[in-house]
Every structure is written in C-alpha cells, then in structure tokens.
Amino acid sequence: MPSVTARRLALLTVLTALCIGIQLAPRPPNIEFTSLIVFLVGVVFGALSGCAVGALVIVVNGFFSSWGFAGLMLPFQMAGMVIVGIGGGLYGRTGAGSHATRSCLETAILGAFLTLTYDLITNSGMAVSYMLMGAPVFIAFASALVSGALFSLIHVVSNAAIFGVAFVPLTNSLQKLLGGGKTWKEEFSPM
C-alpha cells in the first residue's frame, strides 16, 4: 500500500468532493462520472480507498440527490459502487494495459462490465422492494429487470464510452499530480 502523504490525502479529498459534486449535480438519468472516479481512485490509491470513496459518495447521494431519498435502494447502490472501487484496485494492481490504446479498450470493457454488475445489484434492490409489497419472487425480479432494461442499456453504453475515453488521460494527470514520474502509458509499456 502506498504511503499516505499530504499530497495524496489532498488529492483523494479533492477527488471525493468532485465526485460528490458531480453526483449531486442535475444530469440525465444513468449518465454519470461517479463510477469512473471511484474506479480511478481504486487504481491510483488502492481498492480500500476506492471502496471508501464509492460508499461515501453513494451515502451522500442517497440523502441529498435531486432524485430524492434512496431508501431501501441505498445498501444495494453502496454494494454496487464498492464493487467498482474493488475493480479499480484490482485493475491497478495487475499492471494491465501495456499500451494506451489497449488500456482504453480494456477500461471500456471493464467499465461496461462493472456498470452492468452495478445495475444488476440495484435492480435486485428494486425486486426486494416489490417483494416487500407482496409480489412473488419471480415476478418481482422479472419486473425489476424489465423496467430497468432501458436505463441499464443507457448506463452501460455511456460508462463504456466514458471509461474508454477518459481513463488514460485522467490517470496520467493524477500520476503527474502525485509526482509519480511515469504516466500510465510509460509505466506499463514494454522496455
């Protein structure tokens, strides 16, 4: 685990505040940058930091979102975003991405997969609320998946594009701010 310096702590704090601000800002449904920022925090600062930022952002969003109080969905949203933070931490530890273009494609696919996982978890939360209202298990899960399908499609496609386009430049910028020397492309390119 990298040492905690004032610079690292300040950057982590700024990223967390930025993530909360972006999450609370009015935006179209299911187009968001929170997943990318949480993933980046996981890559640069480690899975534990990615999980903590993801959970904190979702808790704040759950109470202050312009869409209203999250209620029963909050633990499901937190679980989904914690998985995104873990994914970033694992991706950062593997040293994946030997070329910037490959990293763009890898992170686009990984972003789509993590977003789909997040959506399945949150749709399960919706199914639980249907079951609490008396719906049978199969009907509850089928209704949640069908009613969320279009939103999930928008979410997965937009996050794949966001991850694919923004991951490498943002990671390079973070590494320069941290004084880490090598950028993502330089660090993982063959000698």
N, C-alpha and C. Protein backbone atom coordinates (compact mmCIF):
# COMPACT_ATOMS: atom_id res chain seq x y z
N MET A 1 0.85 -1.18 0.00
CA MET A 1 0.00 0.00 0.00
C MET A 1 0.89 1.24 0.00
N PRO A 2 0.62 2.20 -0.88
CA PRO A 2 1.44 3.40 -0.93
C PRO A 2 1.31 4.21 0.36
N SER A 3 2.38 4.93 0.71
CA SER A 3 2.35 5.73 1.92
C SER A 3 1.38 6.91 1.75
N VAL A 4 0.85 7.35 2.88
CA VAL A 4 -0.07 8.47 2.86
C VAL A 4 0.73 9.74 3.07
N THR A 5 0.76 10.57 2.05
CA THR A 5 1.42 11.86 2.14
C THR A 5 0.35 12.94 2.10
N ALA A 6 0.75 14.16 2.45
CA ALA A 6 -0.20 15.27 2.40
C ALA A 6 -0.75 15.46 0.99
N ARG A 7 0.11 15.29 -0.01
CA ARG A 7 -0.31 15.45 -1.40
C ARG A 7 -1.34 14.38 -1.78
N ARG A 8 -1.07 13.13 -1.41
CA ARG A 8 -2.00 12.04 -1.74
C ARG A 8 -3.34 12.24 -1.03
N LEU A 9 -3.28 12.62 0.25
CA LEU A 9 -4.50 12.84 1.01
C LEU A 9 -5.30 14.01 0.45
N ALA A 10 -4.62 15.08 0.07
CA ALA A 10 -5.30 16.24 -0.52
C ALA A 10 -5.97 15.86 -1.84
N LEU A 11 -5.25 15.13 -2.67
CA LEU A 11 -5.81 14.73 -3.97
C LEU A 11 -7.00 13.79 -3.78
N LEU A 12 -6.89 12.88 -2.84
CA LEU A 12 -8.01 11.97 -2.56
C LEU A 12 -9.23 12.75 -2.06
N THR A 13 -9.00 13.75 -1.23
CA THR A 13 -10.09 14.58 -0.73
C THR A 13 -10.74 15.38 -1.85
N VAL A 14 -9.93 15.94 -2.73
CA VAL A 14 -10.46 16.71 -3.86
C VAL A 14 -11.27 15.79 -4.79
N LEU A 15 -10.75 14.60 -5.06
CA LEU A 15 -11.48 13.66 -5.93
C LEU A 15 -12.82 13.25 -5.30
N THR A 16 -12.82 13.05 -3.99
CA THR A 16 -14.06 12.69 -3.31
C THR A 16 -15.07 13.82 -3.40
N ALA A 17 -14.62 15.05 -3.13
CA ALA A 17 -15.52 16.20 -3.21
C ALA A 17 -16.02 16.40 -4.64
N LEU A 18 -15.13 16.26 -5.62
CA LEU A 18 -15.52 16.38 -7.02
C LEU A 18 -16.57 15.32 -7.37
N CYS A 19 -16.34 14.12 -6.93
CA CYS A 19 -17.27 13.02 -7.21
C CYS A 19 -18.64 13.30 -6.60
N ILE A 20 -18.66 13.78 -5.36
CA ILE A 20 -19.94 14.10 -4.71
C ILE A 20 -20.63 15.24 -5.46
N GLY A 21 -19.86 16.28 -5.82
CA GLY A 21 -20.45 17.40 -6.54
C GLY A 21 -21.03 17.00 -7.88
N ILE A 22 -20.30 16.18 -8.62
CA ILE A 22 -20.80 15.72 -9.92
C ILE A 22 -22.02 14.83 -9.74
N GLN A 23 -22.00 13.98 -8.73
CA GLN A 23 -23.12 13.06 -8.50
C GLN A 23 -24.39 13.82 -8.14
N LEU A 24 -24.26 14.91 -7.37
CA LEU A 24 -25.43 15.66 -6.94
C LEU A 24 -25.92 16.67 -7.97
N ALA A 25 -25.09 16.98 -8.96
CA ALA A 25 -25.49 17.95 -9.98
C ALA A 25 -26.60 17.36 -10.86
N PRO A 26 -27.52 18.21 -11.31
CA PRO A 26 -28.57 17.71 -12.22
C PRO A 26 -27.94 17.16 -13.50
N ARG A 27 -28.44 16.03 -13.95
CA ARG A 27 -27.91 15.36 -15.14
C ARG A 27 -28.96 14.41 -15.68
N PRO A 28 -28.76 13.95 -16.90
CA PRO A 28 -29.70 12.95 -17.43
C PRO A 28 -29.60 11.66 -16.62
N PRO A 29 -30.69 10.92 -16.51
CA PRO A 29 -30.65 9.67 -15.76
C PRO A 29 -29.61 8.69 -16.34
N ASN A 30 -28.88 8.06 -15.47
CA ASN A 30 -27.94 6.97 -15.79
C ASN A 30 -26.75 7.39 -16.64
N ILE A 31 -26.47 8.66 -16.74
CA ILE A 31 -25.22 9.12 -17.35
C ILE A 31 -24.47 9.80 -16.23
N GLU A 32 -23.35 9.19 -15.82
CA GLU A 32 -22.66 9.65 -14.62
C GLU A 32 -21.16 9.43 -14.74
N PHE A 33 -20.42 10.14 -13.91
CA PHE A 33 -18.97 10.03 -13.86
C PHE A 33 -18.49 9.44 -12.54
N THR A 34 -19.41 9.16 -11.64
CA THR A 34 -19.06 8.62 -10.33
C THR A 34 -18.32 7.29 -10.46
N SER A 35 -18.80 6.42 -11.31
CA SER A 35 -18.15 5.12 -11.48
C SER A 35 -16.71 5.27 -11.94
N LEU A 36 -16.47 6.16 -12.89
CA LEU A 36 -15.11 6.38 -13.38
C LEU A 36 -14.21 6.92 -12.28
N ILE A 37 -14.68 7.90 -11.52
CA ILE A 37 -13.85 8.48 -10.46
C ILE A 37 -13.57 7.45 -9.38
N VAL A 38 -14.56 6.68 -8.98
CA VAL A 38 -14.35 5.63 -7.97
C VAL A 38 -13.37 4.58 -8.50
N PHE A 39 -13.51 4.20 -9.75
CA PHE A 39 -12.58 3.26 -10.38
C PHE A 39 -11.16 3.83 -10.39
N LEU A 40 -11.01 5.11 -10.78
CA LEU A 40 -9.70 5.77 -10.79
C LEU A 40 -9.07 5.81 -9.41
N VAL A 41 -9.88 6.12 -8.41
CA VAL A 41 -9.38 6.13 -7.03
C VAL A 41 -8.88 4.74 -6.66
N GLY A 42 -9.62 3.71 -7.05
CA GLY A 42 -9.18 2.35 -6.79
C GLY A 42 -7.86 2.03 -7.48
N VAL A 43 -7.71 2.47 -8.73
CA VAL A 43 -6.47 2.21 -9.48
C VAL A 43 -5.29 2.92 -8.83
N VAL A 44 -5.45 4.21 -8.53
CA VAL A 44 -4.33 5.04 -8.08
C VAL A 44 -4.05 4.89 -6.58
N PHE A 45 -5.11 4.79 -5.77
CA PHE A 45 -4.94 4.78 -4.32
C PHE A 45 -5.16 3.41 -3.68
N GLY A 46 -5.68 2.46 -4.44
CA GLY A 46 -5.93 1.13 -3.91
C GLY A 46 -7.41 0.84 -3.73
N ALA A 47 -7.71 -0.45 -3.65
CA ALA A 47 -9.11 -0.90 -3.58
C ALA A 47 -9.83 -0.37 -2.34
N LEU A 48 -9.15 -0.33 -1.21
CA LEU A 48 -9.79 0.14 0.02
C LEU A 48 -10.23 1.60 -0.12
N SER A 49 -9.38 2.43 -0.69
CA SER A 49 -9.75 3.83 -0.91
C SER A 49 -10.88 3.95 -1.93
N GLY A 50 -10.83 3.13 -2.99
CA GLY A 50 -11.91 3.13 -3.98
C GLY A 50 -13.24 2.75 -3.35
N CYS A 51 -13.21 1.73 -2.49
CA CYS A 51 -14.44 1.30 -1.79
C CYS A 51 -14.96 2.40 -0.88
N ALA A 52 -14.06 3.03 -0.13
CA ALA A 52 -14.47 4.07 0.81
C ALA A 52 -15.07 5.27 0.09
N VAL A 53 -14.44 5.71 -0.99
CA VAL A 53 -14.96 6.85 -1.75
C VAL A 53 -16.30 6.48 -2.37
N GLY A 54 -16.39 5.29 -2.96
CA GLY A 54 -17.64 4.85 -3.58
C GLY A 54 -18.79 4.80 -2.58
N ALA A 55 -18.53 4.21 -1.41
CA ALA A 55 -19.59 4.10 -0.39
C ALA A 55 -19.99 5.49 0.12
N LEU A 56 -19.00 6.35 0.38
CA LEU A 56 -19.30 7.69 0.89
C LEU A 56 -20.12 8.50 -0.11
N VAL A 57 -19.73 8.47 -1.36
CA VAL A 57 -20.44 9.23 -2.39
C VAL A 57 -21.89 8.75 -2.50
N ILE A 58 -22.09 7.45 -2.46
CA ILE A 58 -23.45 6.91 -2.57
C ILE A 58 -24.28 7.26 -1.34
N VAL A 59 -23.68 7.24 -0.15
CA VAL A 59 -24.43 7.61 1.06
C VAL A 59 -24.86 9.08 0.97
N VAL A 60 -23.94 9.96 0.61
CA VAL A 60 -24.29 11.38 0.48
C VAL A 60 -25.37 11.55 -0.59
N ASN A 61 -25.19 10.89 -1.73
CA ASN A 61 -26.18 10.96 -2.80
C ASN A 61 -27.53 10.41 -2.35
N GLY A 62 -27.50 9.34 -1.56
CA GLY A 62 -28.74 8.72 -1.09
C GLY A 62 -29.61 9.65 -0.27
N PHE A 63 -28.99 10.62 0.39
CA PHE A 63 -29.75 11.55 1.22
C PHE A 63 -30.00 12.90 0.56
N PHE A 64 -29.14 13.31 -0.37
CA PHE A 64 -29.23 14.67 -0.90
C PHE A 64 -29.49 14.74 -2.40
N SER A 65 -29.72 13.64 -3.07
CA SER A 65 -29.92 13.63 -4.51
C SER A 65 -31.16 14.41 -4.92
N SER A 66 -31.07 15.04 -6.07
CA SER A 66 -32.24 15.74 -6.61
C SER A 66 -33.34 14.74 -7.03
N TRP A 67 -32.98 13.46 -7.14
CA TRP A 67 -33.95 12.42 -7.48
C TRP A 67 -34.71 11.95 -6.26
N GLY A 68 -34.30 12.38 -5.08
CA GLY A 68 -34.99 12.01 -3.84
C GLY A 68 -34.18 11.03 -3.00
N PHE A 69 -34.71 10.72 -1.84
CA PHE A 69 -34.07 9.81 -0.88
C PHE A 69 -34.02 8.40 -1.45
N ALA A 70 -32.88 7.74 -1.30
CA ALA A 70 -32.68 6.41 -1.88
C ALA A 70 -33.45 5.32 -1.14
N GLY A 71 -33.64 5.47 0.15
CA GLY A 71 -34.39 4.48 0.93
C GLY A 71 -33.77 3.11 0.88
N LEU A 72 -34.59 2.11 0.59
CA LEU A 72 -34.16 0.71 0.56
C LEU A 72 -33.08 0.46 -0.48
N MET A 73 -33.00 1.29 -1.50
CA MET A 73 -32.01 1.10 -2.56
C MET A 73 -30.59 1.44 -2.11
N LEU A 74 -30.45 2.21 -1.04
CA LEU A 74 -29.13 2.70 -0.62
C LEU A 74 -28.11 1.58 -0.38
N PRO A 75 -28.42 0.54 0.38
CA PRO A 75 -27.39 -0.50 0.55
C PRO A 75 -27.03 -1.23 -0.74
N PHE A 76 -27.97 -1.35 -1.63
CA PHE A 76 -27.70 -2.00 -2.91
C PHE A 76 -26.81 -1.12 -3.78
N GLN A 77 -27.09 0.20 -3.78
CA GLN A 77 -26.24 1.13 -4.53
C GLN A 77 -24.83 1.16 -3.94
N MET A 78 -24.73 1.14 -2.62
CA MET A 78 -23.42 1.12 -1.98
C MET A 78 -22.64 -0.13 -2.35
N ALA A 79 -23.30 -1.27 -2.31
CA ALA A 79 -22.63 -2.54 -2.67
C ALA A 79 -22.13 -2.49 -4.10
N GLY A 80 -22.94 -1.98 -5.01
CA GLY A 80 -22.54 -1.89 -6.41
C GLY A 80 -21.34 -0.97 -6.60
N MET A 81 -21.32 0.18 -5.92
CA MET A 81 -20.21 1.12 -6.09
C MET A 81 -18.95 0.61 -5.39
N VAL A 82 -19.10 -0.13 -4.31
CA VAL A 82 -17.93 -0.75 -3.66
C VAL A 82 -17.26 -1.74 -4.62
N ILE A 83 -18.06 -2.45 -5.38
CA ILE A 83 -17.51 -3.38 -6.38
C ILE A 83 -16.73 -2.61 -7.45
N VAL A 84 -17.20 -1.44 -7.83
CA VAL A 84 -16.47 -0.62 -8.80
C VAL A 84 -15.11 -0.21 -8.22
N GLY A 85 -15.08 0.19 -6.95
CA GLY A 85 -13.82 0.54 -6.29
C GLY A 85 -12.86 -0.64 -6.21
N ILE A 86 -13.39 -1.81 -5.90
CA ILE A 86 -12.56 -3.03 -5.86
C ILE A 86 -12.03 -3.33 -7.26
N GLY A 87 -12.89 -3.19 -8.28
CA GLY A 87 -12.45 -3.41 -9.66
C GLY A 87 -11.30 -2.51 -10.04
N GLY A 88 -11.37 -1.24 -9.65
CA GLY A 88 -10.28 -0.31 -9.92
C GLY A 88 -9.01 -0.72 -9.20
N GLY A 89 -9.14 -1.12 -7.94
CA GLY A 89 -7.97 -1.56 -7.18
C GLY A 89 -7.31 -2.78 -7.79
N LEU A 90 -8.12 -3.73 -8.21
CA LEU A 90 -7.57 -4.94 -8.84
C LEU A 90 -6.92 -4.62 -10.19
N TYR A 91 -7.57 -3.75 -10.96
CA TYR A 91 -7.01 -3.38 -12.26
C TYR A 91 -5.67 -2.66 -12.07
N GLY A 92 -5.59 -1.79 -11.09
CA GLY A 92 -4.35 -1.08 -10.82
C GLY A 92 -3.23 -2.00 -10.36
N ARG A 93 -3.58 -3.03 -9.60
CA ARG A 93 -2.56 -3.97 -9.10
C ARG A 93 -2.04 -4.91 -10.17
N THR A 94 -2.85 -5.19 -11.18
CA THR A 94 -2.42 -6.14 -12.21
C THR A 94 -1.40 -5.53 -13.15
N GLY A 95 -1.33 -4.21 -13.19
CA GLY A 95 -0.43 -3.58 -14.16
C GLY A 95 -0.95 -3.78 -15.56
N ALA A 96 -2.23 -3.97 -15.70
CA ALA A 96 -2.83 -4.21 -17.02
C ALA A 96 -2.66 -2.99 -17.90
N GLY A 97 -2.72 -3.20 -19.15
CA GLY A 97 -2.67 -2.10 -20.10
C GLY A 97 -1.25 -1.79 -20.54
N SER A 98 -0.68 -2.62 -21.37
CA SER A 98 0.69 -2.38 -21.81
C SER A 98 0.77 -1.30 -22.88
N HIS A 99 -0.34 -0.84 -23.34
CA HIS A 99 -0.36 0.22 -24.36
C HIS A 99 -1.59 1.07 -24.11
N ALA A 100 -1.49 2.37 -24.33
CA ALA A 100 -2.61 3.27 -24.03
C ALA A 100 -3.87 2.89 -24.78
N THR A 101 -3.75 2.50 -26.06
CA THR A 101 -4.93 2.11 -26.83
C THR A 101 -5.56 0.87 -26.23
N ARG A 102 -4.72 -0.08 -25.87
CA ARG A 102 -5.22 -1.30 -25.24
C ARG A 102 -5.89 -0.96 -23.92
N SER A 103 -5.31 -0.03 -23.15
CA SER A 103 -5.91 0.38 -21.88
C SER A 103 -7.28 1.00 -22.10
N CYS A 104 -7.42 1.79 -23.17
CA CYS A 104 -8.72 2.40 -23.47
C CYS A 104 -9.76 1.33 -23.74
N LEU A 105 -9.41 0.34 -24.54
CA LEU A 105 -10.33 -0.75 -24.84
C LEU A 105 -10.61 -1.58 -23.59
N GLU A 106 -9.56 -1.91 -22.84
CA GLU A 106 -9.73 -2.69 -21.61
C GLU A 106 -10.65 -1.99 -20.62
N THR A 107 -10.40 -0.70 -20.41
CA THR A 107 -11.22 0.00 -19.43
C THR A 107 -12.64 0.24 -19.93
N ALA A 108 -12.82 0.38 -21.23
CA ALA A 108 -14.19 0.49 -21.76
C ALA A 108 -14.96 -0.79 -21.48
N ILE A 109 -14.34 -1.93 -21.74
CA ILE A 109 -14.99 -3.22 -21.48
C ILE A 109 -15.21 -3.41 -19.98
N LEU A 110 -14.19 -3.10 -19.19
CA LEU A 110 -14.30 -3.24 -17.75
C LEU A 110 -15.36 -2.29 -17.19
N GLY A 111 -15.41 -1.07 -17.71
CA GLY A 111 -16.44 -0.12 -17.29
C GLY A 111 -17.84 -0.63 -17.60
N ALA A 112 -18.01 -1.22 -18.78
CA ALA A 112 -19.32 -1.78 -19.14
C ALA A 112 -19.68 -2.94 -18.21
N PHE A 113 -18.71 -3.81 -17.94
CA PHE A 113 -18.96 -4.96 -17.06
C PHE A 113 -19.31 -4.50 -15.63
N LEU A 114 -18.53 -3.57 -15.09
CA LEU A 114 -18.79 -3.09 -13.72
C LEU A 114 -20.13 -2.37 -13.64
N THR A 115 -20.47 -1.63 -14.68
CA THR A 115 -21.76 -0.93 -14.70
C THR A 115 -22.91 -1.92 -14.78
N LEU A 116 -22.77 -2.95 -15.60
CA LEU A 116 -23.80 -3.99 -15.66
C LEU A 116 -23.96 -4.68 -14.31
N THR A 117 -22.83 -4.95 -13.65
CA THR A 117 -22.88 -5.56 -12.32
C THR A 117 -23.61 -4.63 -11.34
N TYR A 118 -23.26 -3.36 -11.36
CA TYR A 118 -23.92 -2.36 -10.51
C TYR A 118 -25.43 -2.35 -10.78
N ASP A 119 -25.81 -2.33 -12.04
CA ASP A 119 -27.23 -2.28 -12.39
C ASP A 119 -27.97 -3.55 -11.96
N LEU A 120 -27.34 -4.69 -12.09
CA LEU A 120 -27.99 -5.93 -11.64
C LEU A 120 -28.20 -5.92 -10.13
N ILE A 121 -27.22 -5.38 -9.40
CA ILE A 121 -27.35 -5.30 -7.94
C ILE A 121 -28.47 -4.33 -7.57
N THR A 122 -28.50 -3.16 -8.19
CA THR A 122 -29.54 -2.19 -7.84
C THR A 122 -30.92 -2.66 -8.32
N ASN A 123 -30.98 -3.37 -9.44
CA ASN A 123 -32.27 -3.93 -9.87
C ASN A 123 -32.74 -5.01 -8.89
N SER A 124 -31.79 -5.71 -8.28
CA SER A 124 -32.16 -6.68 -7.24
C SER A 124 -32.77 -5.95 -6.05
N GLY A 125 -32.23 -4.77 -5.73
CA GLY A 125 -32.82 -3.96 -4.66
C GLY A 125 -34.24 -3.56 -4.98
N MET A 126 -34.49 -3.23 -6.24
CA MET A 126 -35.85 -2.88 -6.66
C MET A 126 -36.76 -4.10 -6.53
N ALA A 127 -36.23 -5.27 -6.88
CA ALA A 127 -37.03 -6.50 -6.76
C ALA A 127 -37.38 -6.77 -5.30
N VAL A 128 -36.46 -6.51 -4.40
CA VAL A 128 -36.74 -6.70 -2.97
C VAL A 128 -37.88 -5.77 -2.54
N SER A 129 -37.87 -4.52 -3.03
CA SER A 129 -38.97 -3.63 -2.66
C SER A 129 -40.30 -4.12 -3.24
N TYR A 130 -40.28 -4.70 -4.43
CA TYR A 130 -41.51 -5.28 -4.99
C TYR A 130 -41.98 -6.45 -4.13
N MET A 131 -41.03 -7.26 -3.67
CA MET A 131 -41.40 -8.41 -2.83
C MET A 131 -41.98 -7.94 -1.50
N LEU A 132 -41.45 -6.85 -0.95
CA LEU A 132 -41.99 -6.32 0.30
C LEU A 132 -43.41 -5.79 0.13
N MET A 133 -43.77 -5.47 -1.12
CA MET A 133 -45.15 -5.03 -1.40
C MET A 133 -46.05 -6.21 -1.75
N GLY A 134 -45.49 -7.43 -1.67
CA GLY A 134 -46.31 -8.62 -1.87
C GLY A 134 -46.13 -9.35 -3.18
N ALA A 135 -45.25 -8.90 -4.05
CA ALA A 135 -45.05 -9.57 -5.34
C ALA A 135 -44.28 -10.88 -5.14
N PRO A 136 -44.64 -11.93 -5.87
CA PRO A 136 -43.86 -13.17 -5.82
C PRO A 136 -42.43 -12.94 -6.33
N VAL A 137 -41.51 -13.76 -5.89
CA VAL A 137 -40.09 -13.58 -6.19
C VAL A 137 -39.83 -13.46 -7.69
N PHE A 138 -40.33 -14.40 -8.48
CA PHE A 138 -40.08 -14.38 -9.92
C PHE A 138 -40.62 -13.12 -10.56
N ILE A 139 -41.85 -12.77 -10.20
CA ILE A 139 -42.48 -11.56 -10.76
C ILE A 139 -41.70 -10.31 -10.35
N ALA A 140 -41.25 -10.27 -9.10
CA ALA A 140 -40.50 -9.11 -8.60
C ALA A 140 -39.20 -8.93 -9.39
N PHE A 141 -38.45 -10.00 -9.56
CA PHE A 141 -37.17 -9.89 -10.28
C PHE A 141 -37.40 -9.62 -11.77
N ALA A 142 -38.37 -10.28 -12.37
CA ALA A 142 -38.65 -10.05 -13.78
C ALA A 142 -39.10 -8.61 -14.01
N SER A 143 -39.96 -8.10 -13.14
CA SER A 143 -40.44 -6.71 -13.27
C SER A 143 -39.29 -5.72 -13.11
N ALA A 144 -38.41 -5.98 -12.14
CA ALA A 144 -37.28 -5.07 -11.90
C ALA A 144 -36.34 -5.06 -13.11
N LEU A 145 -36.05 -6.22 -13.66
CA LEU A 145 -35.14 -6.30 -14.80
C LEU A 145 -35.74 -5.67 -16.05
N VAL A 146 -37.01 -5.92 -16.29
CA VAL A 146 -37.66 -5.37 -17.49
C VAL A 146 -37.81 -3.86 -17.37
N SER A 147 -38.25 -3.38 -16.20
CA SER A 147 -38.45 -1.93 -16.05
C SER A 147 -37.13 -1.17 -16.05
N GLY A 148 -36.04 -1.84 -15.69
CA GLY A 148 -34.75 -1.18 -15.66
C GLY A 148 -33.89 -1.39 -16.91
N ALA A 149 -34.39 -2.17 -17.87
CA ALA A 149 -33.57 -2.56 -19.03
C ALA A 149 -33.08 -1.36 -19.85
N LEU A 150 -33.96 -0.43 -20.19
CA LEU A 150 -33.55 0.72 -21.00
C LEU A 150 -32.55 1.59 -20.23
N PHE A 151 -32.82 1.82 -18.95
CA PHE A 151 -31.90 2.61 -18.13
C PHE A 151 -30.54 1.92 -18.01
N SER A 152 -30.55 0.61 -17.87
CA SER A 152 -29.29 -0.14 -17.80
C SER A 152 -28.52 -0.05 -19.11
N LEU A 153 -29.22 -0.16 -20.22
CA LEU A 153 -28.56 -0.05 -21.52
C LEU A 153 -27.88 1.32 -21.67
N ILE A 154 -28.60 2.38 -21.33
CA ILE A 154 -28.02 3.73 -21.38
C ILE A 154 -26.81 3.82 -20.46
N HIS A 155 -26.93 3.28 -19.26
CA HIS A 155 -25.87 3.34 -18.26
C HIS A 155 -24.62 2.58 -18.72
N VAL A 156 -24.80 1.37 -19.22
CA VAL A 156 -23.68 0.54 -19.65
C VAL A 156 -22.96 1.17 -20.85
N VAL A 157 -23.72 1.60 -21.84
CA VAL A 157 -23.11 2.18 -23.05
C VAL A 157 -22.39 3.49 -22.72
N SER A 158 -23.03 4.36 -21.94
CA SER A 158 -22.39 5.64 -21.61
C SER A 158 -21.14 5.43 -20.76
N ASN A 159 -21.18 4.51 -19.80
CA ASN A 159 -19.99 4.27 -18.98
C ASN A 159 -18.87 3.61 -19.77
N ALA A 160 -19.21 2.74 -20.71
CA ALA A 160 -18.16 2.15 -21.56
C ALA A 160 -17.45 3.27 -22.33
N ALA A 161 -18.20 4.21 -22.86
CA ALA A 161 -17.60 5.32 -23.59
C ALA A 161 -16.79 6.22 -22.66
N ILE A 162 -17.34 6.54 -21.51
CA ILE A 162 -16.65 7.41 -20.55
C ILE A 162 -15.35 6.77 -20.08
N PHE A 163 -15.39 5.50 -19.70
CA PHE A 163 -14.18 4.80 -19.25
C PHE A 163 -13.15 4.74 -20.38
N GLY A 164 -13.60 4.39 -21.58
CA GLY A 164 -12.68 4.23 -22.70
C GLY A 164 -12.00 5.52 -23.11
N VAL A 165 -12.71 6.63 -23.03
CA VAL A 165 -12.15 7.91 -23.46
C VAL A 165 -11.35 8.59 -22.35
N ALA A 166 -11.82 8.51 -21.12
CA ALA A 166 -11.26 9.35 -20.06
C ALA A 166 -10.25 8.68 -19.14
N PHE A 167 -10.22 7.36 -19.09
CA PHE A 167 -9.37 6.68 -18.10
C PHE A 167 -7.89 7.03 -18.25
N VAL A 168 -7.31 6.83 -19.41
CA VAL A 168 -5.87 7.02 -19.59
C VAL A 168 -5.47 8.48 -19.33
N PRO A 169 -6.14 9.49 -19.94
CA PRO A 169 -5.71 10.86 -19.66
C PRO A 169 -5.87 11.26 -18.19
N LEU A 170 -6.95 10.83 -17.55
CA LEU A 170 -7.15 11.18 -16.14
C LEU A 170 -6.12 10.49 -15.25
N THR A 171 -5.82 9.25 -15.53
CA THR A 171 -4.82 8.54 -14.73
C THR A 171 -3.45 9.17 -14.92
N ASN A 172 -3.11 9.53 -16.14
CA ASN A 172 -1.83 10.22 -16.38
C ASN A 172 -1.76 11.53 -15.61
N SER A 173 -2.85 12.29 -15.60
CA SER A 173 -2.88 13.55 -14.87
C SER A 173 -2.73 13.33 -13.37
N LEU A 174 -3.41 12.32 -12.84
CA LEU A 174 -3.30 12.02 -11.41
C LEU A 174 -1.88 11.62 -11.04
N GLN A 175 -1.25 10.81 -11.88
CA GLN A 175 0.11 10.38 -11.58
C GLN A 175 1.08 11.55 -11.63
N LYS A 176 0.87 12.49 -12.54
CA LYS A 176 1.73 13.67 -12.59
C LYS A 176 1.51 14.54 -11.36
N LEU A 177 0.25 14.69 -10.94
CA LEU A 177 -0.04 15.47 -9.74
C LEU A 177 0.59 14.86 -8.49
N LEU A 178 0.65 13.55 -8.46
CA LEU A 178 1.23 12.85 -7.32
C LEU A 178 2.75 12.82 -7.38
N GLY A 179 3.30 13.28 -8.50
CA GLY A 179 4.76 13.27 -8.64
C GLY A 179 5.31 11.87 -8.82
N GLY A 180 4.49 10.99 -9.37
CA GLY A 180 4.89 9.60 -9.54
C GLY A 180 5.84 9.36 -10.69
N GLY A 181 6.13 10.38 -11.45
CA GLY A 181 7.07 10.21 -12.54
C GLY A 181 6.40 9.68 -13.78
N LYS A 182 6.32 8.37 -13.91
CA LYS A 182 5.81 7.76 -15.14
C LYS A 182 4.30 7.89 -15.24
N THR A 183 3.83 8.09 -16.46
CA THR A 183 2.40 8.09 -16.72
C THR A 183 1.95 6.65 -16.92
N TRP A 184 0.65 6.45 -17.00
CA TRP A 184 0.09 5.12 -17.19
C TRP A 184 0.69 4.46 -18.42
N LYS A 185 0.79 5.21 -19.51
CA LYS A 185 1.32 4.65 -20.77
C LYS A 185 2.79 4.26 -20.60
N GLU A 186 3.56 5.13 -19.98
CA GLU A 186 5.01 4.85 -19.81
C GLU A 186 5.26 3.72 -18.83
N GLU A 187 4.49 3.69 -17.76
CA GLU A 187 4.71 2.71 -16.71
C GLU A 187 4.50 1.28 -17.19
N PHE A 188 3.51 1.09 -18.05
CA PHE A 188 3.17 -0.27 -18.45
C PHE A 188 3.56 -0.61 -19.88
N SER A 189 4.32 0.26 -20.54
CA SER A 189 4.74 -0.07 -21.90
C SER A 189 6.03 -0.91 -21.84
N PRO A 190 6.21 -1.80 -22.83
CA PRO A 190 7.39 -2.66 -22.82
C PRO A 190 8.67 -1.84 -22.98
N MET A 191 9.75 -2.33 -22.41
CA MET A 191 11.04 -1.64 -22.47
C MET A 191 11.60 -1.68 -23.86
